[in-house]
PDB file of N, CA and C in Angstrom:
ATOM      1  N   MET A   1     156.718 214.317 222.578  1.00  0.00           N
ATOM      2  CA  MET A   1     156.502 215.692 222.218  1.00  0.00           C
ATOM      3  C   MET A   1     155.749 216.371 223.352  1.00  0.00           C
ATOM      4  N   LEU A   2     156.198 217.526 223.743  1.00  0.00           N
ATOM      5  CA  LEU A   2     155.554 218.303 224.800  1.00  0.00           C
ATOM      6  C   LEU A   2     155.120 219.636 224.228  1.00  0.00           C
ATOM      7  N   SER A   3     153.853 219.964 224.403  1.00  0.00           N
ATOM      8  CA  SER A   3     153.359 221.262 223.955  1.00  0.00           C
ATOM      9  C   SER A   3     152.629 221.932 225.109  1.00  0.00           C
ATOM     10  N   TYR A   4     152.584 223.259 225.073  1.00  0.00           N
ATOM     11  CA  TYR A   4     151.913 224.024 226.132  1.00  0.00           C
ATOM     12  C   TYR A   4     151.149 225.174 225.511  1.00  0.00           C
ATOM     13  N   ASP A   5     149.879 225.278 225.843  1.00  0.00           N
ATOM     14  CA  ASP A   5     149.038 226.390 225.402  1.00  0.00           C
ATOM     15  C   ASP A   5     148.951 227.379 226.562  1.00  0.00           C
ATOM     16  N   ALA A   6     149.655 228.502 226.456  1.00  0.00           N
ATOM     17  CA  ALA A   6     149.742 229.461 227.559  1.00  0.00           C
ATOM     18  C   ALA A   6     148.403 230.138 227.847  1.00  0.00           C
ATOM     19  N   GLN A   7     147.559 230.313 226.844  1.00  0.00           N
ATOM     20  CA  GLN A   7     146.267 230.966 227.069  1.00  0.00           C
ATOM     21  C   GLN A   7     145.296 230.042 227.792  1.00  0.00           C
ATOM     22  N   ALA A   8     145.306 228.760 227.450  1.00  0.00           N
ATOM     23  CA  ALA A   8     144.395 227.800 228.079  1.00  0.00           C
ATOM     24  C   ALA A   8     145.018 227.109 229.285  1.00  0.00           C
ATOM     25  N   HIS A   9     146.332 227.289 229.487  1.00  0.00           N
ATOM     26  CA  HIS A   9     147.068 226.631 230.577  1.00  0.00           C
ATOM     27  C   HIS A   9     146.905 225.115 230.513  1.00  0.00           C
ATOM     28  N   VAL A  10     147.120 224.562 229.316  1.00  0.00           N
ATOM     29  CA  VAL A  10     147.019 223.121 229.100  1.00  0.00           C
ATOM     30  C   VAL A  10     148.319 222.627 228.482  1.00  0.00           C
ATOM     31  N   SER A  11     148.893 221.589 229.077  1.00  0.00           N
ATOM     32  CA  SER A  11     150.088 220.947 228.530  1.00  0.00           C
ATOM     33  C   SER A  11     149.705 219.580 227.990  1.00  0.00           C
ATOM     34  N   ASP A  12     150.233 219.236 226.841  1.00  0.00           N
ATOM     35  CA  ASP A  12     150.047 217.910 226.253  1.00  0.00           C
ATOM     36  C   ASP A  12     151.406 217.245 226.135  1.00  0.00           C
ATOM     37  N   LEU A  13     151.529 216.059 226.702  1.00  0.00           N
ATOM     38  CA  LEU A  13     152.749 215.270 226.576  1.00  0.00           C
ATOM     39  C   LEU A  13     152.395 214.009 225.807  1.00  0.00           C
ATOM     40  N   ALA A  14     152.848 213.922 224.558  1.00  0.00           N
ATOM     41  CA  ALA A  14     152.576 212.766 223.705  1.00  0.00           C
ATOM     42  C   ALA A  14     153.797 211.859 223.715  1.00  0.00           C
ATOM     43  N   ILE A  15     153.582 210.585 224.010  1.00  0.00           N
ATOM     44  CA  ILE A  15     154.670 209.610 224.096  1.00  0.00           C
ATOM     45  C   ILE A  15     154.426 208.522 223.064  1.00  0.00           C
ATOM     46  N   ASN A  16     155.424 208.281 222.237  1.00  0.00           N
ATOM     47  CA  ASN A  16     155.321 207.261 221.201  1.00  0.00           C
ATOM     48  C   ASN A  16     156.397 206.217 221.446  1.00  0.00           C
ATOM     49  N   LEU A  17     155.985 205.019 221.840  1.00  0.00           N
ATOM     50  CA  LEU A  17     156.933 203.947 222.139  1.00  0.00           C
ATOM     51  C   LEU A  17     157.356 203.187 220.891  1.00  0.00           C
ATOM     52  N   GLY A  18     156.578 203.284 219.819  1.00  0.00           N
ATOM     53  CA  GLY A  18     156.870 202.526 218.614  1.00  0.00           C
ATOM     54  C   GLY A  18     157.923 203.148 217.719  1.00  0.00           C
ATOM     55  N   GLY A  19     158.223 204.418 217.902  1.00  0.00           N
ATOM     56  CA  GLY A  19     159.256 205.068 217.115  1.00  0.00           C
ATOM     57  C   GLY A  19     158.750 205.799 215.889  1.00  0.00           C
ATOM     58  N   GLY A  20     157.498 205.596 215.500  1.00  0.00           N
ATOM     59  CA  GLY A  20     156.961 206.314 214.349  1.00  0.00           C
ATOM     60  C   GLY A  20     156.435 207.674 214.764  1.00  0.00           C
ATOM     61  N   PHE A  21     156.172 208.528 213.776  1.00  0.00           N
ATOM     62  CA  PHE A  21     155.713 209.876 214.081  1.00  0.00           C
ATOM     63  C   PHE A  21     154.250 210.084 213.698  1.00  0.00           C
ATOM     64  N   ASP A  22     153.536 209.018 213.355  1.00  0.00           N
ATOM     65  CA  ASP A  22     152.171 209.186 212.873  1.00  0.00           C
ATOM     66  C   ASP A  22     151.128 209.122 213.979  1.00  0.00           C
ATOM     67  N   ALA A  23     151.423 208.507 215.122  1.00  0.00           N
ATOM     68  CA  ALA A  23     150.446 208.390 216.202  1.00  0.00           C
ATOM     69  C   ALA A  23     151.170 208.242 217.531  1.00  0.00           C
ATOM     70  N   SER A  24     150.505 208.657 218.594  1.00  0.00           N
ATOM     71  CA  SER A  24     151.081 208.552 219.928  1.00  0.00           C
ATOM     72  C   SER A  24     150.508 207.344 220.646  1.00  0.00           C
ATOM     73  N   ASP A  25     151.347 206.676 221.440  1.00  0.00           N
ATOM     74  CA  ASP A  25     150.882 205.561 222.253  1.00  0.00           C
ATOM     75  C   ASP A  25     150.194 206.057 223.529  1.00  0.00           C
ATOM     76  N   PHE A  26     150.677 207.166 224.064  1.00  0.00           N
ATOM     77  CA  PHE A  26     150.095 207.754 225.267  1.00  0.00           C
ATOM     78  C   PHE A  26     149.992 209.257 225.073  1.00  0.00           C
ATOM     79  N   LEU A  27     148.937 209.857 225.628  1.00  0.00           N
ATOM     80  CA  LEU A  27     148.803 211.311 225.635  1.00  0.00           C
ATOM     81  C   LEU A  27     148.417 211.723 227.045  1.00  0.00           C
ATOM     82  N   VAL A  28     149.263 212.511 227.675  1.00  0.00           N
ATOM     83  CA  VAL A  28     149.004 213.017 229.017  1.00  0.00           C
ATOM     84  C   VAL A  28     148.632 214.484 228.886  1.00  0.00           C
ATOM     85  N   LYS A  29     147.497 214.858 229.463  1.00  0.00           N
ATOM     86  CA  LYS A  29     147.024 216.245 229.398  1.00  0.00           C
ATOM     87  C   LYS A  29     147.040 216.808 230.817  1.00  0.00           C
ATOM     88  N   VAL A  30     147.778 217.904 231.011  1.00  0.00           N
ATOM     89  CA  VAL A  30     147.900 218.544 232.319  1.00  0.00           C
ATOM     90  C   VAL A  30     147.273 219.930 232.222  1.00  0.00           C
ATOM     91  N   VAL A  31     146.336 220.216 233.125  1.00  0.00           N
ATOM     92  CA  VAL A  31     145.620 221.486 233.095  1.00  0.00           C
ATOM     93  C   VAL A  31     146.011 222.304 234.324  1.00  0.00           C
ATOM     94  N   GLY A  32     146.301 223.572 234.121  1.00  0.00           N
ATOM     95  CA  GLY A  32     146.643 224.470 235.218  1.00  0.00           C
ATOM     96  C   GLY A  32     147.922 225.218 234.925  1.00  0.00           C
ATOM     97  N   GLN A  33     148.121 226.309 235.649  1.00  0.00           N
ATOM     98  CA  GLN A  33     149.326 227.101 235.461  1.00  0.00           C
ATOM     99  C   GLN A  33     150.523 226.375 236.061  1.00  0.00           C
ATOM    100  N   PRO A  34     151.659 226.414 235.382  1.00  0.00           N
ATOM    101  CA  PRO A  34     152.862 225.803 235.955  1.00  0.00           C
ATOM    102  C   PRO A  34     153.350 226.622 237.145  1.00  0.00           C
ATOM    103  N   LEU A  35     153.847 225.929 238.151  1.00  0.00           N
ATOM    104  CA  LEU A  35     154.389 226.614 239.322  1.00  0.00           C
ATOM    105  C   LEU A  35     155.813 227.072 239.083  1.00  0.00           C
ATOM    106  N   GLU A  36     156.500 226.387 238.179  1.00  0.00           N
ATOM    107  CA  GLU A  36     157.897 226.721 237.935  1.00  0.00           C
ATOM    108  C   GLU A  36     158.249 226.262 236.530  1.00  0.00           C
ATOM    109  N   THR A  37     159.138 226.968 235.885  1.00  0.00           N
ATOM    110  CA  THR A  37     159.574 226.635 234.532  1.00  0.00           C
ATOM    111  C   THR A  37     160.897 225.898 234.600  1.00  0.00           C
ATOM    112  N   SER A  38     161.005 224.806 233.854  1.00  0.00           N
ATOM    113  CA  SER A  38     162.266 224.055 233.842  1.00  0.00           C
ATOM    114  C   SER A  38     162.459 223.418 232.477  1.00  0.00           C
ATOM    115  N   ASP A  39     163.699 223.137 232.153  1.00  0.00           N
ATOM    116  CA  ASP A  39     164.047 222.426 230.928  1.00  0.00           C
ATOM    117  C   ASP A  39     164.336 220.978 231.283  1.00  0.00           C
ATOM    118  N   PHE A  40     163.893 220.056 230.447  1.00  0.00           N
ATOM    119  CA  PHE A  40     164.196 218.655 230.692  1.00  0.00           C
ATOM    120  C   PHE A  40     164.272 217.914 229.374  1.00  0.00           C
ATOM    121  N   VAL A  41     164.922 216.776 229.412  1.00  0.00           N
ATOM    122  CA  VAL A  41     165.095 215.943 228.230  1.00  0.00           C
ATOM    123  C   VAL A  41     164.600 214.548 228.558  1.00  0.00           C
ATOM    124  N   LEU A  42     163.756 213.995 227.690  1.00  0.00           N
ATOM    125  CA  LEU A  42     163.320 212.608 227.830  1.00  0.00           C
ATOM    126  C   LEU A  42     164.186 211.756 226.932  1.00  0.00           C
ATOM    127  N   ALA A  43     164.780 210.723 227.487  1.00  0.00           N
ATOM    128  CA  ALA A  43     165.644 209.857 226.692  1.00  0.00           C
ATOM    129  C   ALA A  43     165.221 208.416 226.847  1.00  0.00           C
TER     130      ALA A  43
END
């Protein structure tokens, strides 16, 4: 799951390797304005 807070300029990328939706195995937090907007798919 990828979320972005435009006011705080914070992106959260939650990765769940177990397949359940109750908790994330990894959470990556990126702070700062994006330089470019793009669409992508994680498979």
